Amino acid sequence: MVKVDRNGSELRVVLTGRQTLAEAEGTRDQLMAALLTPEMSSLVLDCTSVSDLDVSFLQLLLAARKMGQARSIAVSLSAPAAGPLADTLARAGLARPGDGGKGWFDPFWAGGQ
């Protein structure tokens, strides 16, 4: 499930529940629509309520970030990756689990851009 809230030039996309290949097309469409919103300078992705995900979801997040960069939109996570998101990142080789918060190979996963 995807919920979108706007506050001025910031758009917050709340992603919840299952985010696997089966849901990827719908999630992609929602993220791309969010990135095409006029007069937006920041997109915050809230993944804290995602309960099940696979590598296709990671690809969608990275694609949204790349599209945001191309459109001069700052794309970030609302909080450092934790729970299922952190577990999937580790399984995909994009993080070192148990490294005291320093295990992110890309600052994006720690809530950066």
PDB file of N, CA and C in Angstrom:
ATOM      1  N   MET A   1       0.842  -1.177   0.000  1.00  0.00           N
ATOM      2  CA  MET A   1       0.000   0.000   0.000  1.00  0.00           C
ATOM      3  C   MET A   1       0.887   1.240   0.000  1.00  0.00           C
ATOM      4  N   VAL A   2       0.415   2.266  -0.677  1.00  0.00           N
ATOM      5  CA  VAL A   2       1.163   3.509  -0.786  1.00  0.00           C
ATOM      6  C   VAL A   2       0.229   4.669  -0.443  1.00  0.00           C
ATOM      7  N   LYS A   3       0.693   5.555   0.434  1.00  0.00           N
ATOM      8  CA  LYS A   3      -0.067   6.748   0.804  1.00  0.00           C
ATOM      9  C   LYS A   3       0.830   7.953   0.556  1.00  0.00           C
ATOM     10  N   VAL A   4       0.290   9.001  -0.038  1.00  0.00           N
ATOM     11  CA  VAL A   4       1.073  10.185  -0.379  1.00  0.00           C
ATOM     12  C   VAL A   4       0.497  11.394   0.360  1.00  0.00           C
ATOM     13  N   ASP A   5       1.374  12.147   1.049  1.00  0.00           N
ATOM     14  CA  ASP A   5       0.993  13.383   1.729  1.00  0.00           C
ATOM     15  C   ASP A   5       1.919  14.495   1.265  1.00  0.00           C
ATOM     16  N   ARG A   6       1.339  15.677   1.064  1.00  0.00           N
ATOM     17  CA  ARG A   6       2.141  16.824   0.644  1.00  0.00           C
ATOM     18  C   ARG A   6       2.129  17.892   1.717  1.00  0.00           C
ATOM     19  N   ASN A   7       3.318  18.477   1.959  1.00  0.00           N
ATOM     20  CA  ASN A   7       3.473  19.583   2.891  1.00  0.00           C
ATOM     21  C   ASN A   7       4.362  20.606   2.205  1.00  0.00           C
ATOM     22  N   GLY A   8       3.765  21.582   1.564  1.00  0.00           N
ATOM     23  CA  GLY A   8       4.537  22.568   0.822  1.00  0.00           C
ATOM     24  C   GLY A   8       5.239  21.923  -0.359  1.00  0.00           C
ATOM     25  N   SER A   9       6.552  22.083  -0.423  1.00  0.00           N
ATOM     26  CA  SER A   9       7.326  21.510  -1.534  1.00  0.00           C
ATOM     27  C   SER A   9       7.854  20.113  -1.202  1.00  0.00           C
ATOM     28  N   GLU A  10       7.462  19.572  -0.036  1.00  0.00           N
ATOM     29  CA  GLU A  10       7.885  18.223   0.345  1.00  0.00           C
ATOM     30  C   GLU A  10       6.731  17.239   0.179  1.00  0.00           C
ATOM     31  N   LEU A  11       7.041  16.126  -0.428  1.00  0.00           N
ATOM     32  CA  LEU A  11       6.073  15.042  -0.590  1.00  0.00           C
ATOM     33  C   LEU A  11       6.556  13.874   0.246  1.00  0.00           C
ATOM     34  N   ARG A  12       5.653  13.290   1.020  1.00  0.00           N
ATOM     35  CA  ARG A  12       5.985  12.138   1.849  1.00  0.00           C
ATOM     36  C   ARG A  12       5.181  10.949   1.337  1.00  0.00           C
ATOM     37  N   VAL A  13       5.888   9.895   0.975  1.00  0.00           N
ATOM     38  CA  VAL A  13       5.258   8.680   0.486  1.00  0.00           C
ATOM     39  C   VAL A  13       5.428   7.616   1.564  1.00  0.00           C
ATOM     40  N   VAL A  14       4.299   7.128   2.086  1.00  0.00           N
ATOM     41  CA  VAL A  14       4.310   6.107   3.123  1.00  0.00           C
ATOM     42  C   VAL A  14       4.019   4.767   2.454  1.00  0.00           C
ATOM     43  N   LEU A  15       4.979   3.876   2.524  1.00  0.00           N
ATOM     44  CA  LEU A  15       4.864   2.538   1.943  1.00  0.00           C
ATOM     45  C   LEU A  15       4.628   1.555   3.072  1.00  0.00           C
ATOM     46  N   THR A  16       3.628   0.704   2.910  1.00  0.00           N
ATOM     47  CA  THR A  16       3.276  -0.207   3.995  1.00  0.00           C
ATOM     48  C   THR A  16       3.052  -1.628   3.472  1.00  0.00           C
ATOM     49  N   GLY A  17       3.017  -2.546   4.420  1.00  0.00           N
ATOM     50  CA  GLY A  17       2.677  -3.930   4.104  1.00  0.00           C
ATOM     51  C   GLY A  17       3.692  -4.635   3.236  1.00  0.00           C
ATOM     52  N   ARG A  18       3.168  -5.406   2.311  1.00  0.00           N
ATOM     53  CA  ARG A  18       3.995  -6.238   1.423  1.00  0.00           C
ATOM     54  C   ARG A  18       4.471  -5.413   0.234  1.00  0.00           C
ATOM     55  N   GLN A  19       5.771  -5.463  -0.040  1.00  0.00           N
ATOM     56  CA  GLN A  19       6.370  -4.755  -1.175  1.00  0.00           C
ATOM     57  C   GLN A  19       7.322  -5.719  -1.887  1.00  0.00           C
ATOM     58  N   THR A  20       6.729  -6.601  -2.658  1.00  0.00           N
ATOM     59  CA  THR A  20       7.500  -7.607  -3.381  1.00  0.00           C
ATOM     60  C   THR A  20       7.259  -7.443  -4.875  1.00  0.00           C
ATOM     61  N   LEU A  21       7.796  -8.338  -5.660  1.00  0.00           N
ATOM     62  CA  LEU A  21       7.647  -8.274  -7.109  1.00  0.00           C
ATOM     63  C   LEU A  21       6.172  -8.211  -7.521  1.00  0.00           C
ATOM     64  N   ALA A  22       5.307  -8.888  -6.797  1.00  0.00           N
ATOM     65  CA  ALA A  22       3.877  -8.888  -7.118  1.00  0.00           C
ATOM     66  C   ALA A  22       3.259  -7.489  -7.014  1.00  0.00           C
ATOM     67  N   GLU A  23       3.785  -6.650  -6.132  1.00  0.00           N
ATOM     68  CA  GLU A  23       3.268  -5.289  -5.940  1.00  0.00           C
ATOM     69  C   GLU A  23       4.095  -4.236  -6.661  1.00  0.00           C
ATOM     70  N   ALA A  24       5.182  -4.633  -7.293  1.00  0.00           N
ATOM     71  CA  ALA A  24       6.160  -3.684  -7.834  1.00  0.00           C
ATOM     72  C   ALA A  24       5.575  -2.716  -8.862  1.00  0.00           C
ATOM     73  N   GLU A  25       4.743  -3.190  -9.751  1.00  0.00           N
ATOM     74  CA  GLU A  25       4.221  -2.310 -10.791  1.00  0.00           C
ATOM     75  C   GLU A  25       3.383  -1.174 -10.197  1.00  0.00           C
ATOM     76  N   GLY A  26       2.509  -1.500  -9.272  1.00  0.00           N
ATOM     77  CA  GLY A  26       1.697  -0.469  -8.630  1.00  0.00           C
ATOM     78  C   GLY A  26       2.524   0.509  -7.818  1.00  0.00           C
ATOM     79  N   THR A  27       3.494  -0.022  -7.087  1.00  0.00           N
ATOM     80  CA  THR A  27       4.374   0.845  -6.294  1.00  0.00           C
ATOM     81  C   THR A  27       5.195   1.747  -7.207  1.00  0.00           C
ATOM     82  N   ARG A  28       5.715   1.178  -8.287  1.00  0.00           N
ATOM     83  CA  ARG A  28       6.482   1.975  -9.249  1.00  0.00           C
ATOM     84  C   ARG A  28       5.632   3.125  -9.793  1.00  0.00           C
ATOM     85  N   ASP A  29       4.413   2.830 -10.184  1.00  0.00           N
ATOM     86  CA  ASP A  29       3.538   3.865 -10.734  1.00  0.00           C
ATOM     87  C   ASP A  29       3.294   4.983  -9.727  1.00  0.00           C
ATOM     88  N   GLN A  30       3.091   4.625  -8.469  1.00  0.00           N
ATOM     89  CA  GLN A  30       2.870   5.628  -7.417  1.00  0.00           C
ATOM     90  C   GLN A  30       4.122   6.485  -7.183  1.00  0.00           C
ATOM     91  N   LEU A  31       5.291   5.836  -7.154  1.00  0.00           N
ATOM     92  CA  LEU A  31       6.537   6.583  -6.944  1.00  0.00           C
ATOM     93  C   LEU A  31       6.823   7.518  -8.110  1.00  0.00           C
ATOM     94  N   MET A  32       6.618   7.052  -9.318  1.00  0.00           N
ATOM     95  CA  MET A  32       6.873   7.891 -10.487  1.00  0.00           C
ATOM     96  C   MET A  32       5.896   9.065 -10.531  1.00  0.00           C
ATOM     97  N   ALA A  33       4.634   8.820 -10.200  1.00  0.00           N
ATOM     98  CA  ALA A  33       3.655   9.912 -10.145  1.00  0.00           C
ATOM     99  C   ALA A  33       4.066  10.947  -9.095  1.00  0.00           C
ATOM    100  N   ALA A  34       4.550  10.467  -7.956  1.00  0.00           N
ATOM    101  CA  ALA A  34       5.005  11.380  -6.909  1.00  0.00           C
ATOM    102  C   ALA A  34       6.167  12.247  -7.404  1.00  0.00           C
ATOM    103  N   LEU A  35       7.087  11.621  -8.138  1.00  0.00           N
ATOM    104  CA  LEU A  35       8.253  12.364  -8.630  1.00  0.00           C
ATOM    105  C   LEU A  35       7.897  13.359  -9.732  1.00  0.00           C
ATOM    106  N   LEU A  36       6.744  13.223 -10.331  1.00  0.00           N
ATOM    107  CA  LEU A  36       6.308  14.154 -11.374  1.00  0.00           C
ATOM    108  C   LEU A  36       5.393  15.253 -10.832  1.00  0.00           C
ATOM    109  N   THR A  37       5.207  15.278  -9.515  1.00  0.00           N
ATOM    110  CA  THR A  37       4.383  16.311  -8.888  1.00  0.00           C
ATOM    111  C   THR A  37       5.022  17.677  -9.092  1.00  0.00           C
ATOM    112  N   PRO A  38       4.255  18.648  -9.605  1.00  0.00           N
ATOM    113  CA  PRO A  38       4.817  19.991  -9.827  1.00  0.00           C
ATOM    114  C   PRO A  38       5.265  20.665  -8.530  1.00  0.00           C
ATOM    115  N   GLU A  39       6.274  21.505  -8.660  1.00  0.00           N
ATOM    116  CA  GLU A  39       6.766  22.356  -7.567  1.00  0.00           C
ATOM    117  C   GLU A  39       7.147  21.578  -6.314  1.00  0.00           C
ATOM    118  N   MET A  40       7.776  20.444  -6.519  1.00  0.00           N
ATOM    119  CA  MET A  40       8.226  19.641  -5.391  1.00  0.00           C
ATOM    120  C   MET A  40       9.749  19.628  -5.385  1.00  0.00           C
ATOM    121  N   SER A  41      10.343  19.791  -4.211  1.00  0.00           N
ATOM    122  CA  SER A  41      11.804  19.786  -4.119  1.00  0.00           C
ATOM    123  C   SER A  41      12.335  18.635  -3.270  1.00  0.00           C
ATOM    124  N   SER A  42      11.437  17.958  -2.550  1.00  0.00           N
ATOM    125  CA  SER A  42      11.880  16.902  -1.643  1.00  0.00           C
ATOM    126  C   SER A  42      10.849  15.768  -1.603  1.00  0.00           C
ATOM    127  N   LEU A  43      11.356  14.545  -1.690  1.00  0.00           N
ATOM    128  CA  LEU A  43      10.519  13.359  -1.583  1.00  0.00           C
ATOM    129  C   LEU A  43      11.071  12.501  -0.447  1.00  0.00           C
ATOM    130  N   VAL A  44      10.244  12.266   0.562  1.00  0.00           N
ATOM    131  CA  VAL A  44      10.631  11.467   1.714  1.00  0.00           C
ATOM    132  C   VAL A  44       9.885  10.145   1.638  1.00  0.00           C
ATOM    133  N   LEU A  45      10.637   9.063   1.670  1.00  0.00           N
ATOM    134  CA  LEU A  45      10.069   7.724   1.579  1.00  0.00           C
ATOM    135  C   LEU A  45      10.036   7.096   2.971  1.00  0.00           C
ATOM    136  N   ASP A  46       8.840   6.818   3.455  1.00  0.00           N
ATOM    137  CA  ASP A  46       8.674   6.202   4.772  1.00  0.00           C
ATOM    138  C   ASP A  46       8.432   4.705   4.567  1.00  0.00           C
ATOM    139  N   CYS A  47       9.422   3.912   4.884  1.00  0.00           N
ATOM    140  CA  CYS A  47       9.356   2.451   4.707  1.00  0.00           C
ATOM    141  C   CYS A  47       9.242   1.725   6.039  1.00  0.00           C
ATOM    142  N   THR A  48       8.994   2.456   7.108  1.00  0.00           N
ATOM    143  CA  THR A  48       9.011   1.856   8.447  1.00  0.00           C
ATOM    144  C   THR A  48       7.897   0.840   8.666  1.00  0.00           C
ATOM    145  N   SER A  49       6.834   0.889   7.869  1.00  0.00           N
ATOM    146  CA  SER A  49       5.725  -0.055   8.037  1.00  0.00           C
ATOM    147  C   SER A  49       5.689  -1.130   6.949  1.00  0.00           C
ATOM    148  N   VAL A  50       6.762  -1.243   6.198  1.00  0.00           N
ATOM    149  CA  VAL A  50       6.843  -2.325   5.210  1.00  0.00           C
ATOM    150  C   VAL A  50       7.155  -3.605   5.971  1.00  0.00           C
ATOM    151  N   SER A  51       6.322  -4.613   5.786  1.00  0.00           N
ATOM    152  CA  SER A  51       6.465  -5.840   6.568  1.00  0.00           C
ATOM    153  C   SER A  51       7.150  -6.973   5.807  1.00  0.00           C
ATOM    154  N   ASP A  52       7.080  -6.935   4.482  1.00  0.00           N
ATOM    155  CA  ASP A  52       7.656  -7.998   3.665  1.00  0.00           C
ATOM    156  C   ASP A  52       8.125  -7.368   2.365  1.00  0.00           C
ATOM    157  N   LEU A  53       9.359  -7.643   1.970  1.00  0.00           N
ATOM    158  CA  LEU A  53       9.888  -7.053   0.745  1.00  0.00           C
ATOM    159  C   LEU A  53      10.944  -7.953   0.143  1.00  0.00           C
ATOM    160  N   ASP A  54      11.247  -7.667  -1.104  1.00  0.00           N
ATOM    161  CA  ASP A  54      12.324  -8.382  -1.782  1.00  0.00           C
ATOM    162  C   ASP A  54      13.189  -7.360  -2.526  1.00  0.00           C
ATOM    163  N   VAL A  55      14.142  -7.866  -3.272  1.00  0.00           N
ATOM    164  CA  VAL A  55      15.101  -6.986  -3.927  1.00  0.00           C
ATOM    165  C   VAL A  55      14.433  -6.075  -4.962  1.00  0.00           C
ATOM    166  N   SER A  56      13.275  -6.452  -5.481  1.00  0.00           N
ATOM    167  CA  SER A  56      12.581  -5.575  -6.437  1.00  0.00           C
ATOM    168  C   SER A  56      12.200  -4.248  -5.778  1.00  0.00           C
ATOM    169  N   PHE A  57      11.881  -4.289  -4.489  1.00  0.00           N
ATOM    170  CA  PHE A  57      11.547  -3.062  -3.767  1.00  0.00           C
ATOM    171  C   PHE A  57      12.786  -2.176  -3.611  1.00  0.00           C
ATOM    172  N   LEU A  58      13.919  -2.786  -3.329  1.00  0.00           N
ATOM    173  CA  LEU A  58      15.165  -2.010  -3.244  1.00  0.00           C
ATOM    174  C   LEU A  58      15.443  -1.333  -4.575  1.00  0.00           C
ATOM    175  N   GLN A  59      15.216  -2.047  -5.670  1.00  0.00           N
ATOM    176  CA  GLN A  59      15.431  -1.481  -7.004  1.00  0.00           C
ATOM    177  C   GLN A  59      14.501  -0.295  -7.251  1.00  0.00           C
ATOM    178  N   LEU A  60      13.255  -0.399  -6.807  1.00  0.00           N
ATOM    179  CA  LEU A  60      12.325   0.715  -6.968  1.00  0.00           C
ATOM    180  C   LEU A  60      12.777   1.943  -6.187  1.00  0.00           C
ATOM    181  N   LEU A  61      13.241   1.738  -4.974  1.00  0.00           N
ATOM    182  CA  LEU A  61      13.715   2.868  -4.163  1.00  0.00           C
ATOM    183  C   LEU A  61      14.922   3.538  -4.813  1.00  0.00           C
ATOM    184  N   LEU A  62      15.842   2.733  -5.321  1.00  0.00           N
ATOM    185  CA  LEU A  62      17.024   3.298  -5.978  1.00  0.00           C
ATOM    186  C   LEU A  62      16.656   3.997  -7.284  1.00  0.00           C
ATOM    187  N   ALA A  63      15.701   3.451  -8.021  1.00  0.00           N
ATOM    188  CA  ALA A  63      15.248   4.094  -9.257  1.00  0.00           C
ATOM    189  C   ALA A  63      14.582   5.433  -8.950  1.00  0.00           C
ATOM    190  N   ALA A  64      13.783   5.480  -7.886  1.00  0.00           N
ATOM    191  CA  ALA A  64      13.147   6.737  -7.483  1.00  0.00           C
ATOM    192  C   ALA A  64      14.201   7.770  -7.105  1.00  0.00           C
ATOM    193  N   ARG A  65      15.215   7.324  -6.395  1.00  0.00           N
ATOM    194  CA  ARG A  65      16.311   8.231  -6.019  1.00  0.00           C
ATOM    195  C   ARG A  65      17.006   8.781  -7.261  1.00  0.00           C
ATOM    196  N   LYS A  66      17.290   7.910  -8.216  1.00  0.00           N
ATOM    197  CA  LYS A  66      17.978   8.333  -9.444  1.00  0.00           C
ATOM    198  C   LYS A  66      17.106   9.301 -10.254  1.00  0.00           C
ATOM    199  N   MET A  67      15.827   9.008 -10.374  1.00  0.00           N
ATOM    200  CA  MET A  67      14.928   9.912 -11.090  1.00  0.00           C
ATOM    201  C   MET A  67      14.836  11.250 -10.363  1.00  0.00           C
ATOM    202  N   GLY A  68      14.797  11.209  -9.044  1.00  0.00           N
ATOM    203  CA  GLY A  68      14.784  12.448  -8.268  1.00  0.00           C
ATOM    204  C   GLY A  68      16.024  13.278  -8.522  1.00  0.00           C
ATOM    205  N   GLN A  69      17.169  12.643  -8.539  1.00  0.00           N
ATOM    206  CA  GLN A  69      18.418  13.370  -8.813  1.00  0.00           C
ATOM    207  C   GLN A  69      18.365  14.033 -10.179  1.00  0.00           C
ATOM    208  N   ALA A  70      17.833  13.322 -11.172  1.00  0.00           N
ATOM    209  CA  ALA A  70      17.742  13.872 -12.531  1.00  0.00           C
ATOM    210  C   ALA A  70      16.794  15.072 -12.587  1.00  0.00           C
ATOM    211  N   ARG A  71      15.829  15.130 -11.677  1.00  0.00           N
ATOM    212  CA  ARG A  71      14.853  16.217 -11.647  1.00  0.00           C
ATOM    213  C   ARG A  71      15.160  17.241 -10.547  1.00  0.00           C
ATOM    214  N   SER A  72      16.352  17.155  -9.938  1.00  0.00           N
ATOM    215  CA  SER A  72      16.765  18.051  -8.840  1.00  0.00           C
ATOM    216  C   SER A  72      15.812  17.966  -7.651  1.00  0.00           C
ATOM    217  N   ILE A  73      15.365  16.754  -7.347  1.00  0.00           N
ATOM    218  CA  ILE A  73      14.502  16.505  -6.194  1.00  0.00           C
ATOM    219  C   ILE A  73      15.301  15.659  -5.205  1.00  0.00           C
ATOM    220  N   ALA A  74      15.382  16.135  -3.971  1.00  0.00           N
ATOM    221  CA  ALA A  74      16.084  15.384  -2.923  1.00  0.00           C
ATOM    222  C   ALA A  74      15.197  14.218  -2.488  1.00  0.00           C
ATOM    223  N   VAL A  75      15.688  12.999  -2.647  1.00  0.00           N
ATOM    224  CA  VAL A  75      14.946  11.807  -2.250  1.00  0.00           C
ATOM    225  C   VAL A  75      15.685  11.168  -1.080  1.00  0.00           C
ATOM    226  N   SER A  76      14.950  10.905   0.005  1.00  0.00           N
ATOM    227  CA  SER A  76      15.580  10.306   1.190  1.00  0.00           C
ATOM    228  C   SER A  76      14.588   9.398   1.896  1.00  0.00           C
ATOM    229  N   LEU A  77      15.120   8.561   2.772  1.00  0.00           N
ATOM    230  CA  LEU A  77      14.280   7.737   3.639  1.00  0.00           C
ATOM    231  C   LEU A  77      13.914   8.559   4.872  1.00  0.00           C
ATOM    232  N   SER A  78      12.744   8.303   5.432  1.00  0.00           N
ATOM    233  CA  SER A  78      12.318   9.052   6.623  1.00  0.00           C
ATOM    234  C   SER A  78      13.108   8.657   7.861  1.00  0.00           C
ATOM    235  N   ALA A  79      13.703   7.468   7.840  1.00  0.00           N
ATOM    236  CA  ALA A  79      14.478   6.954   8.971  1.00  0.00           C
ATOM    237  C   ALA A  79      15.474   5.935   8.430  1.00  0.00           C
ATOM    238  N   PRO A  80      16.562   5.717   9.138  1.00  0.00           N
ATOM    239  CA  PRO A  80      17.492   4.679   8.690  1.00  0.00           C
ATOM    240  C   PRO A  80      16.788   3.332   8.525  1.00  0.00           C
ATOM    241  N   ALA A  81      17.211   2.586   7.539  1.00  0.00           N
ATOM    242  CA  ALA A  81      16.630   1.270   7.286  1.00  0.00           C
ATOM    243  C   ALA A  81      16.736   0.412   8.541  1.00  0.00           C
ATOM    244  N   ALA A  82      15.631  -0.276   8.846  1.00  0.00           N
ATOM    245  CA  ALA A  82      15.593  -1.162  10.014  1.00  0.00           C
ATOM    246  C   ALA A  82      14.637  -2.309   9.691  1.00  0.00           C
ATOM    247  N   GLY A  83      14.628  -3.310  10.528  1.00  0.00           N
ATOM    248  CA  GLY A  83      13.703  -4.428  10.382  1.00  0.00           C
ATOM    249  C   GLY A  83      13.851  -5.134   9.045  1.00  0.00           C
ATOM    250  N   PRO A  84      12.715  -5.435   8.392  1.00  0.00           N
ATOM    251  CA  PRO A  84      12.769  -6.173   7.130  1.00  0.00           C
ATOM    252  C   PRO A  84      13.581  -5.472   6.038  1.00  0.00           C
ATOM    253  N   LEU A  85      13.542  -4.142   6.005  1.00  0.00           N
ATOM    254  CA  LEU A  85      14.318  -3.415   5.001  1.00  0.00           C
ATOM    255  C   LEU A  85      15.812  -3.630   5.227  1.00  0.00           C
ATOM    256  N   ALA A  86      16.269  -3.499   6.454  1.00  0.00           N
ATOM    257  CA  ALA A  86      17.681  -3.721   6.766  1.00  0.00           C
ATOM    258  C   ALA A  86      18.093  -5.159   6.493  1.00  0.00           C
ATOM    259  N   ASP A  87      17.220  -6.094   6.827  1.00  0.00           N
ATOM    260  CA  ASP A  87      17.515  -7.512   6.578  1.00  0.00           C
ATOM    261  C   ASP A  87      17.684  -7.793   5.087  1.00  0.00           C
ATOM    262  N   THR A  88      16.801  -7.226   4.270  1.00  0.00           N
ATOM    263  CA  THR A  88      16.880  -7.438   2.823  1.00  0.00           C
ATOM    264  C   THR A  88      18.118  -6.767   2.246  1.00  0.00           C
ATOM    265  N   LEU A  89      18.458  -5.598   2.754  1.00  0.00           N
ATOM    266  CA  LEU A  89      19.689  -4.929   2.310  1.00  0.00           C
ATOM    267  C   LEU A  89      20.911  -5.794   2.606  1.00  0.00           C
ATOM    268  N   ALA A  90      20.933  -6.392   3.777  1.00  0.00           N
ATOM    269  CA  ALA A  90      22.066  -7.245   4.147  1.00  0.00           C
ATOM    270  C   ALA A  90      22.128  -8.476   3.254  1.00  0.00           C
ATOM    271  N   ARG A  91      20.976  -9.103   3.016  1.00  0.00           N
ATOM    272  CA  ARG A  91      20.941 -10.282   2.140  1.00  0.00           C
ATOM    273  C   ARG A  91      21.362  -9.940   0.713  1.00  0.00           C
ATOM    274  N   ALA A  92      21.075  -8.721   0.275  1.00  0.00           N
ATOM    275  CA  ALA A  92      21.442  -8.284  -1.075  1.00  0.00           C
ATOM    276  C   ALA A  92      22.896  -7.810  -1.154  1.00  0.00           C
ATOM    277  N   GLY A  93      23.591  -7.800  -0.021  1.00  0.00           N
ATOM    278  CA  GLY A  93      24.987  -7.367  -0.002  1.00  0.00           C
ATOM    279  C   GLY A  93      25.158  -5.865   0.010  1.00  0.00           C
ATOM    280  N   LEU A  94      24.102  -5.117   0.403  1.00  0.00           N
ATOM    281  CA  LEU A  94      24.164  -3.658   0.421  1.00  0.00           C
ATOM    282  C   LEU A  94      24.396  -3.087   1.818  1.00  0.00           C
ATOM    283  N   ALA A  95      24.586  -3.958   2.783  1.00  0.00           N
ATOM    284  CA  ALA A  95      24.831  -3.516   4.154  1.00  0.00           C
ATOM    285  C   ALA A  95      25.530  -4.627   4.920  1.00  0.00           C
ATOM    286  N   ARG A  96      26.223  -4.232   5.974  1.00  0.00           N
ATOM    287  CA  ARG A  96      26.842  -5.190   6.893  1.00  0.00           C
ATOM    288  C   ARG A  96      26.023  -5.168   8.173  1.00  0.00           C
ATOM    289  N   PRO A  97      25.290  -6.221   8.457  1.00  0.00           N
ATOM    290  CA  PRO A  97      24.484  -6.218   9.687  1.00  0.00           C
ATOM    291  C   PRO A  97      25.364  -6.202  10.933  1.00  0.00           C
ATOM    292  N   GLY A  98      24.841  -5.584  11.988  1.00  0.00           N
ATOM    293  CA  GLY A  98      25.528  -5.588  13.276  1.00  0.00           C
ATOM    294  C   GLY A  98      26.792  -4.765  13.315  1.00  0.00           C
ATOM    295  N   ASP A  99      26.863  -3.722  12.502  1.00  0.00           N
ATOM    296  CA  ASP A  99      28.061  -2.886  12.474  1.00  0.00           C
ATOM    297  C   ASP A  99      27.826  -1.565  13.212  1.00  0.00           C
ATOM    298  N   GLY A 100      26.964  -1.587  14.209  1.00  0.00           N
ATOM    299  CA  GLY A 100      26.737  -0.396  15.025  1.00  0.00           C
ATOM    300  C   GLY A 100      26.225   0.791  14.237  1.00  0.00           C
ATOM    301  N   GLY A 101      25.422   0.560  13.201  1.00  0.00           N
ATOM    302  CA  GLY A 101      24.885   1.668  12.412  1.00  0.00           C
ATOM    303  C   GLY A 101      25.830   2.188  11.363  1.00  0.00           C
ATOM    304  N   LYS A 102      27.032   1.637  11.273  1.00  0.00           N
ATOM    305  CA  LYS A 102      28.008   2.112  10.297  1.00  0.00           C
ATOM    306  C   LYS A 102      28.109   1.160   9.107  1.00  0.00           C
ATOM    307  N   GLY A 103      27.190   0.212   9.017  1.00  0.00           N
ATOM    308  CA  GLY A 103      27.287  -0.819   8.005  1.00  0.00           C
ATOM    309  C   GLY A 103      26.668  -0.486   6.663  1.00  0.00           C
ATOM    310  N   TRP A 104      26.176   0.726   6.484  1.00  0.00           N
ATOM    311  CA  TRP A 104      25.561   1.079   5.207  1.00  0.00           C
ATOM    312  C   TRP A 104      26.627   1.417   4.190  1.00  0.00           C
ATOM    313  N   PHE A 105      26.581   0.765   3.052  1.00  0.00           N
ATOM    314  CA  PHE A 105      27.533   1.045   1.986  1.00  0.00           C
ATOM    315  C   PHE A 105      27.140   2.303   1.218  1.00  0.00           C
ATOM    316  N   ASP A 106      25.918   2.768   1.398  1.00  0.00           N
ATOM    317  CA  ASP A 106      25.410   3.975   0.744  1.00  0.00           C
ATOM    318  C   ASP A 106      24.643   4.757   1.804  1.00  0.00           C
ATOM    319  N   PRO A 107      24.948   6.038   2.016  1.00  0.00           N
ATOM    320  CA  PRO A 107      24.275   6.808   3.064  1.00  0.00           C
ATOM    321  C   PRO A 107      22.765   6.939   2.866  1.00  0.00           C
ATOM    322  N   PHE A 108      22.270   6.692   1.665  1.00  0.00           N
ATOM    323  CA  PHE A 108      20.841   6.727   1.414  1.00  0.00           C
ATOM    324  C   PHE A 108      20.084   5.822   2.389  1.00  0.00           C
ATOM    325  N   TRP A 109      20.611   4.623   2.638  1.00  0.00           N
ATOM    326  CA  TRP A 109      19.934   3.653   3.502  1.00  0.00           C
ATOM    327  C   TRP A 109      19.950   4.072   4.968  1.00  0.00           C
ATOM    328  N   ALA A 110      20.799   5.008   5.312  1.00  0.00           N
ATOM    329  CA  ALA A 110      20.848   5.515   6.683  1.00  0.00           C
ATOM    330  C   ALA A 110      19.985   6.784   6.844  1.00  0.00           C
ATOM    331  N   GLY A 111      19.196   7.093   5.823  1.00  0.00           N
ATOM    332  CA  GLY A 111      18.323   8.265   5.884  1.00  0.00           C
ATOM    333  C   GLY A 111      18.893   9.467   5.159  1.00  0.00           C
ATOM    334  N   GLY A 112      20.031   9.294   4.481  1.00  0.00           N
ATOM    335  CA  GLY A 112      20.620  10.402   3.708  1.00  0.00           C
ATOM    336  C   GLY A 112      20.044  10.437   2.308  1.00  0.00           C
ATOM    337  N   GLN A 113      20.679  11.223   1.452  1.00  0.00           N
ATOM    338  CA  GLN A 113      20.186  11.353   0.073  1.00  0.00           C
ATOM    339  C   GLN A 113      20.989  10.522  -0.886  1.00  0.00           C
TER     340      GLN A 113
END
